[in-house]
Amino acid sequence: GGEIIFVEATRMRGPGQLILTGSLGGVLKESAQIALSFIRSNAQTLGVEPDFFEGHDIHIHIPAGGIAKDGPSAGLTIAVALVSLLTGRPARSDVALSGELSLVGRVLPVSGVREKILAALRGRAAMVVLPEANAADVEALRASVADLPPVVLVARVEEALAVALCGQEGAPCTE
């Protein structure tokens, strides 16, 4: 859709559960589980302690709990939020992300790209990160809308992390 959502993540002592709140539908819950599984299976490569889940719960919340949310396109955003949490590297607040995440870290195409980019524009995002497979959708929108924010197309979650987390090459903190 064409609305900006925010993803919050925290870690606390607990039996190792994934807690999801914010009126999330089944597909969105699966997206969170996929993001967590990808990070667990690639922890060392991502700079995350391999045992981060032992003795700790992870809580992901998408505010506006009274509004139902669903779909796979927040998977990339959830993965970035989790890597930010688990590495201590802040996520840039001026970057909008959308993409379905696969278990092996591929960023899969999403629908509603026009609406997503226009929502990012309304929200004053400095950059939008989208799946490489949506390149044609981005170009079609560029032909009809003049002042689009820069769009970074990615094929893998690691590419999104490089631009969405502070302290990464090419990703200065804006705060």
C-alpha atoms as a PDB file:
ATOM      1  CA  GLY A   1       0.000   0.000   0.000  1.00  0.00           C
ATOM      2  CA  GLY A   2       0.825   3.639   0.151  1.00  0.00           C
ATOM      3  CA  GLU A   3       1.398   4.202   3.865  1.00  0.00           C
ATOM      4  CA  ILE A   4       4.633   4.453   5.820  1.00  0.00           C
ATOM      5  CA  ILE A   5       4.942   1.990   8.678  1.00  0.00           C
ATOM      6  CA  PHE A   6       7.603   1.992  11.349  1.00  0.00           C
ATOM      7  CA  VAL A   7       9.201  -1.171  12.701  1.00  0.00           C
ATOM      8  CA  GLU A   8      10.444  -1.337  16.285  1.00  0.00           C
ATOM      9  CA  ALA A   9      12.540  -4.192  17.680  1.00  0.00           C
ATOM     10  CA  THR A  10      13.855  -4.946  21.143  1.00  0.00           C
ATOM     11  CA  ARG A  11      15.564  -7.826  22.914  1.00  0.00           C
ATOM     12  CA  MET A  12      15.005  -8.891  26.504  1.00  0.00           C
ATOM     13  CA  ARG A  13      15.680 -11.853  28.753  1.00  0.00           C
ATOM     14  CA  GLY A  14      13.320 -14.718  28.046  1.00  0.00           C
ATOM     15  CA  PRO A  15      13.021 -18.280  26.765  1.00  0.00           C
ATOM     16  CA  GLY A  16      13.897 -17.470  23.141  1.00  0.00           C
ATOM     17  CA  GLN A  17      10.551 -16.466  21.695  1.00  0.00           C
ATOM     18  CA  LEU A  18       9.712 -14.187  18.796  1.00  0.00           C
ATOM     19  CA  ILE A  19       6.973 -11.804  19.940  1.00  0.00           C
ATOM     20  CA  LEU A  20       5.032  -9.937  17.234  1.00  0.00           C
ATOM     21  CA  THR A  21       2.570  -7.132  17.966  1.00  0.00           C
ATOM     22  CA  GLY A  22       0.735  -4.418  16.072  1.00  0.00           C
ATOM     23  CA  SER A  23      -2.319  -6.169  14.538  1.00  0.00           C
ATOM     24  CA  LEU A  24      -0.183  -8.194  12.136  1.00  0.00           C
ATOM     25  CA  GLY A  25      -1.684 -10.630   9.657  1.00  0.00           C
ATOM     26  CA  GLY A  26      -0.351 -14.106   8.962  1.00  0.00           C
ATOM     27  CA  VAL A  27       1.845 -13.220   5.973  1.00  0.00           C
ATOM     28  CA  LEU A  28       3.476 -10.330   7.844  1.00  0.00           C
ATOM     29  CA  LYS A  29       4.140 -12.615  10.827  1.00  0.00           C
ATOM     30  CA  GLU A  30       5.781 -15.109   8.458  1.00  0.00           C
ATOM     31  CA  SER A  31       7.924 -12.291   7.040  1.00  0.00           C
ATOM     32  CA  ALA A  32       9.213 -11.547  10.548  1.00  0.00           C
ATOM     33  CA  GLN A  33      10.016 -15.218  11.131  1.00  0.00           C
ATOM     34  CA  ILE A  34      11.843 -15.403   7.783  1.00  0.00           C
ATOM     35  CA  ALA A  35      13.900 -12.325   8.685  1.00  0.00           C
ATOM     36  CA  LEU A  36      14.836 -13.808  12.058  1.00  0.00           C
ATOM     37  CA  SER A  37      15.707 -17.198  10.530  1.00  0.00           C
ATOM     38  CA  PHE A  38      17.893 -15.546   7.885  1.00  0.00           C
ATOM     39  CA  ILE A  39      19.762 -13.594  10.567  1.00  0.00           C
ATOM     40  CA  ARG A  40      20.185 -16.656  12.789  1.00  0.00           C
ATOM     41  CA  SER A  41      21.582 -18.712   9.910  1.00  0.00           C
ATOM     42  CA  ASN A  42      23.918 -15.901   8.777  1.00  0.00           C
ATOM     43  CA  ALA A  43      24.782 -14.347  12.142  1.00  0.00           C
ATOM     44  CA  GLN A  44      28.554 -14.451  11.781  1.00  0.00           C
ATOM     45  CA  THR A  45      28.521 -12.912   8.298  1.00  0.00           C
ATOM     46  CA  LEU A  46      26.182 -10.150   9.501  1.00  0.00           C
ATOM     47  CA  GLY A  47      28.282  -9.326  12.571  1.00  0.00           C
ATOM     48  CA  VAL A  48      25.679 -10.708  14.973  1.00  0.00           C
ATOM     49  CA  GLU A  49      26.573 -12.899  17.962  1.00  0.00           C
ATOM     50  CA  PRO A  50      25.558 -16.453  16.934  1.00  0.00           C
ATOM     51  CA  ASP A  51      23.841 -17.153  20.273  1.00  0.00           C
ATOM     52  CA  PHE A  52      21.876 -13.876  20.386  1.00  0.00           C
ATOM     53  CA  PHE A  53      18.596 -15.771  20.728  1.00  0.00           C
ATOM     54  CA  GLU A  54      19.682 -17.992  23.645  1.00  0.00           C
ATOM     55  CA  GLY A  55      18.060 -16.768  26.841  1.00  0.00           C
ATOM     56  CA  HIS A  56      16.471 -13.804  25.073  1.00  0.00           C
ATOM     57  CA  ASP A  57      13.185 -12.963  23.420  1.00  0.00           C
ATOM     58  CA  ILE A  58      12.963 -10.708  20.377  1.00  0.00           C
ATOM     59  CA  HIS A  59       9.935  -8.404  20.230  1.00  0.00           C
ATOM     60  CA  ILE A  60       8.955  -6.770  16.939  1.00  0.00           C
ATOM     61  CA  HIS A  61       6.221  -4.147  17.036  1.00  0.00           C
ATOM     62  CA  ILE A  62       4.668  -2.206  14.186  1.00  0.00           C
ATOM     63  CA  PRO A  63       2.863   0.787  15.743  1.00  0.00           C
ATOM     64  CA  ALA A  64      -0.718   1.813  15.040  1.00  0.00           C
ATOM     65  CA  GLY A  65      -1.868  -1.400  16.678  1.00  0.00           C
ATOM     66  CA  GLY A  66      -5.503  -0.649  15.921  1.00  0.00           C
ATOM     67  CA  ILE A  67      -4.854  -0.845  12.184  1.00  0.00           C
ATOM     68  CA  ALA A  68      -4.522  -4.311  10.622  1.00  0.00           C
ATOM     69  CA  LYS A  69      -1.349  -4.848   8.583  1.00  0.00           C
ATOM     70  CA  ASP A  70      -0.391  -7.750   6.331  1.00  0.00           C
ATOM     71  CA  GLY A  71       1.678  -8.737   3.317  1.00  0.00           C
ATOM     72  CA  PRO A  72       5.271  -9.761   2.634  1.00  0.00           C
ATOM     73  CA  SER A  73       6.756  -6.390   1.675  1.00  0.00           C
ATOM     74  CA  ALA A  74       7.945  -5.438   5.187  1.00  0.00           C
ATOM     75  CA  GLY A  75      10.307  -8.428   5.346  1.00  0.00           C
ATOM     76  CA  LEU A  76      13.338  -6.386   4.287  1.00  0.00           C
ATOM     77  CA  THR A  77      12.497  -3.600   6.743  1.00  0.00           C
ATOM     78  CA  ILE A  78      12.137  -6.107   9.585  1.00  0.00           C
ATOM     79  CA  ALA A  79      15.500  -7.675   8.716  1.00  0.00           C
ATOM     80  CA  VAL A  80      17.194  -4.256   8.784  1.00  0.00           C
ATOM     81  CA  ALA A  81      15.559  -3.444  12.145  1.00  0.00           C
ATOM     82  CA  LEU A  82      16.738  -6.759  13.610  1.00  0.00           C
ATOM     83  CA  VAL A  83      20.318  -6.416  12.358  1.00  0.00           C
ATOM     84  CA  SER A  84      20.343  -2.873  13.745  1.00  0.00           C
ATOM     85  CA  LEU A  85      19.162  -4.145  17.126  1.00  0.00           C
ATOM     86  CA  LEU A  86      21.586  -7.061  17.261  1.00  0.00           C
ATOM     87  CA  THR A  87      24.695  -5.192  16.081  1.00  0.00           C
ATOM     88  CA  GLY A  88      24.049  -1.874  17.819  1.00  0.00           C
ATOM     89  CA  ARG A  89      24.320   0.008  14.511  1.00  0.00           C
ATOM     90  CA  PRO A  90      21.431   2.483  14.256  1.00  0.00           C
ATOM     91  CA  ALA A  91      19.176   2.318  11.223  1.00  0.00           C
ATOM     92  CA  ARG A  92      18.875   5.524   9.223  1.00  0.00           C
ATOM     93  CA  SER A  93      15.549   7.181   9.943  1.00  0.00           C
ATOM     94  CA  ASP A  94      15.471   8.843   6.511  1.00  0.00           C
ATOM     95  CA  VAL A  95      15.494   5.627   4.461  1.00  0.00           C
ATOM     96  CA  ALA A  96      12.290   3.883   3.359  1.00  0.00           C
ATOM     97  CA  LEU A  97      12.542   0.171   2.560  1.00  0.00           C
ATOM     98  CA  SER A  98      10.255  -2.383   0.967  1.00  0.00           C
ATOM     99  CA  GLY A  99      10.911  -5.911  -0.195  1.00  0.00           C
ATOM    100  CA  GLU A 100       9.920  -9.484   0.432  1.00  0.00           C
ATOM    101  CA  LEU A 101      12.764 -11.449   1.997  1.00  0.00           C
ATOM    102  CA  SER A 102      13.656 -15.057   1.185  1.00  0.00           C
ATOM    103  CA  LEU A 103      15.251 -17.451   3.676  1.00  0.00           C
ATOM    104  CA  VAL A 104      18.567 -17.166   1.835  1.00  0.00           C
ATOM    105  CA  GLY A 105      18.595 -13.351   1.834  1.00  0.00           C
ATOM    106  CA  ARG A 106      17.249 -12.587  -1.615  1.00  0.00           C
ATOM    107  CA  VAL A 107      15.050  -9.498  -1.855  1.00  0.00           C
ATOM    108  CA  LEU A 108      11.984 -10.430  -3.887  1.00  0.00           C
ATOM    109  CA  PRO A 109       9.670  -8.083  -5.823  1.00  0.00           C
ATOM    110  CA  VAL A 110       6.715  -6.348  -4.218  1.00  0.00           C
ATOM    111  CA  SER A 111       3.488  -4.896  -5.550  1.00  0.00           C
ATOM    112  CA  GLY A 112       2.306  -1.312  -5.223  1.00  0.00           C
ATOM    113  CA  VAL A 113       5.708   0.249  -5.939  1.00  0.00           C
ATOM    114  CA  ARG A 114       4.176   3.506  -7.194  1.00  0.00           C
ATOM    115  CA  GLU A 115       2.161   3.941  -3.993  1.00  0.00           C
ATOM    116  CA  LYS A 116       5.146   3.001  -1.823  1.00  0.00           C
ATOM    117  CA  ILE A 117       7.487   5.520  -3.456  1.00  0.00           C
ATOM    118  CA  LEU A 118       4.871   8.280  -3.339  1.00  0.00           C
ATOM    119  CA  ALA A 119       4.328   7.562   0.386  1.00  0.00           C
ATOM    120  CA  ALA A 120       8.103   7.807   0.923  1.00  0.00           C
ATOM    121  CA  LEU A 121       8.081  11.122  -0.943  1.00  0.00           C
ATOM    122  CA  ARG A 122       5.249  12.439   1.265  1.00  0.00           C
ATOM    123  CA  GLY A 123       7.177  11.244   4.321  1.00  0.00           C
ATOM    124  CA  ARG A 124      10.288  13.110   3.139  1.00  0.00           C
ATOM    125  CA  ALA A 125      12.477  10.012   2.841  1.00  0.00           C
ATOM    126  CA  ALA A 126      15.965  10.847   1.600  1.00  0.00           C
ATOM    127  CA  MET A 127      16.257   7.440  -0.067  1.00  0.00           C
ATOM    128  CA  VAL A 128      14.075   4.457  -0.979  1.00  0.00           C
ATOM    129  CA  VAL A 129      15.400   0.887  -1.078  1.00  0.00           C
ATOM    130  CA  LEU A 130      13.453  -1.533  -3.286  1.00  0.00           C
ATOM    131  CA  PRO A 131      13.954  -4.942  -4.903  1.00  0.00           C
ATOM    132  CA  GLU A 132      16.059  -4.973  -8.056  1.00  0.00           C
ATOM    133  CA  ALA A 133      13.240  -6.939  -9.684  1.00  0.00           C
ATOM    134  CA  ASN A 134      11.040  -3.819  -9.416  1.00  0.00           C
ATOM    135  CA  ALA A 135      13.358  -1.688 -11.605  1.00  0.00           C
ATOM    136  CA  ALA A 136      10.776  -1.350 -14.382  1.00  0.00           C
ATOM    137  CA  ASP A 137       8.174  -0.068 -11.891  1.00  0.00           C
ATOM    138  CA  VAL A 138      10.623   2.572 -10.653  1.00  0.00           C
ATOM    139  CA  GLU A 139      11.478   3.714 -14.189  1.00  0.00           C
ATOM    140  CA  ALA A 140       7.797   3.954 -15.119  1.00  0.00           C
ATOM    141  CA  LEU A 141       7.210   6.215 -12.119  1.00  0.00           C
ATOM    142  CA  ARG A 142      10.286   8.353 -12.892  1.00  0.00           C
ATOM    143  CA  ALA A 143       8.778   9.072 -16.305  1.00  0.00           C
ATOM    144  CA  SER A 144       5.695  10.626 -14.717  1.00  0.00           C
ATOM    145  CA  VAL A 145       6.857  12.102 -11.373  1.00  0.00           C
ATOM    146  CA  ALA A 146       9.645  14.671 -11.322  1.00  0.00           C
ATOM    147  CA  ASP A 147      10.965  14.910  -7.757  1.00  0.00           C
ATOM    148  CA  LEU A 148      11.398  11.308  -6.678  1.00  0.00           C
ATOM    149  CA  PRO A 149      13.873  10.550  -3.912  1.00  0.00           C
ATOM    150  CA  PRO A 150      16.895   8.458  -4.931  1.00  0.00           C
ATOM    151  CA  VAL A 151      15.965   4.786  -5.300  1.00  0.00           C
ATOM    152  CA  VAL A 152      18.511   2.072  -4.523  1.00  0.00           C
ATOM    153  CA  LEU A 153      17.674  -1.286  -6.095  1.00  0.00           C
ATOM    154  CA  VAL A 154      18.931  -4.366  -4.239  1.00  0.00           C
ATOM    155  CA  ALA A 155      18.994  -8.085  -4.903  1.00  0.00           C
ATOM    156  CA  ARG A 156      20.161  -9.151  -1.416  1.00  0.00           C
ATOM    157  CA  VAL A 157      19.542  -8.031   2.146  1.00  0.00           C
ATOM    158  CA  GLU A 158      23.250  -7.266   2.651  1.00  0.00           C
ATOM    159  CA  GLU A 159      23.018  -4.557  -0.029  1.00  0.00           C
ATOM    160  CA  ALA A 160      20.152  -2.920   1.857  1.00  0.00           C
ATOM    161  CA  LEU A 161      22.077  -3.104   5.144  1.00  0.00           C
ATOM    162  CA  ALA A 162      24.986  -1.268   3.512  1.00  0.00           C
ATOM    163  CA  VAL A 163      22.840   1.803   2.814  1.00  0.00           C
ATOM    164  CA  ALA A 164      20.252   1.610   5.608  1.00  0.00           C
ATOM    165  CA  LEU A 165      22.486   1.213   8.668  1.00  0.00           C
ATOM    166  CA  CYS A 166      24.542   4.077  10.062  1.00  0.00           C
ATOM    167  CA  GLY A 167      28.266   3.599  10.009  1.00  0.00           C
ATOM    168  CA  GLN A 168      28.249   1.503   6.872  1.00  0.00           C
ATOM    169  CA  GLU A 169      30.075   2.595   3.747  1.00  0.00           C
ATOM    170  CA  GLY A 170      27.935   5.202   2.028  1.00  0.00           C
ATOM    171  CA  ALA A 171      25.461   5.366   4.908  1.00  0.00           C
ATOM    172  CA  PRO A 172      26.202   8.330   7.165  1.00  0.00           C
ATOM    173  CA  CYS A 173      23.980   8.959  10.163  1.00  0.00           C
ATOM    174  CA  THR A 174      21.724  11.933   9.620  1.00  0.00           C
ATOM    175  CA  GLU A 175      20.848  12.446  13.271  1.00  0.00           C
END
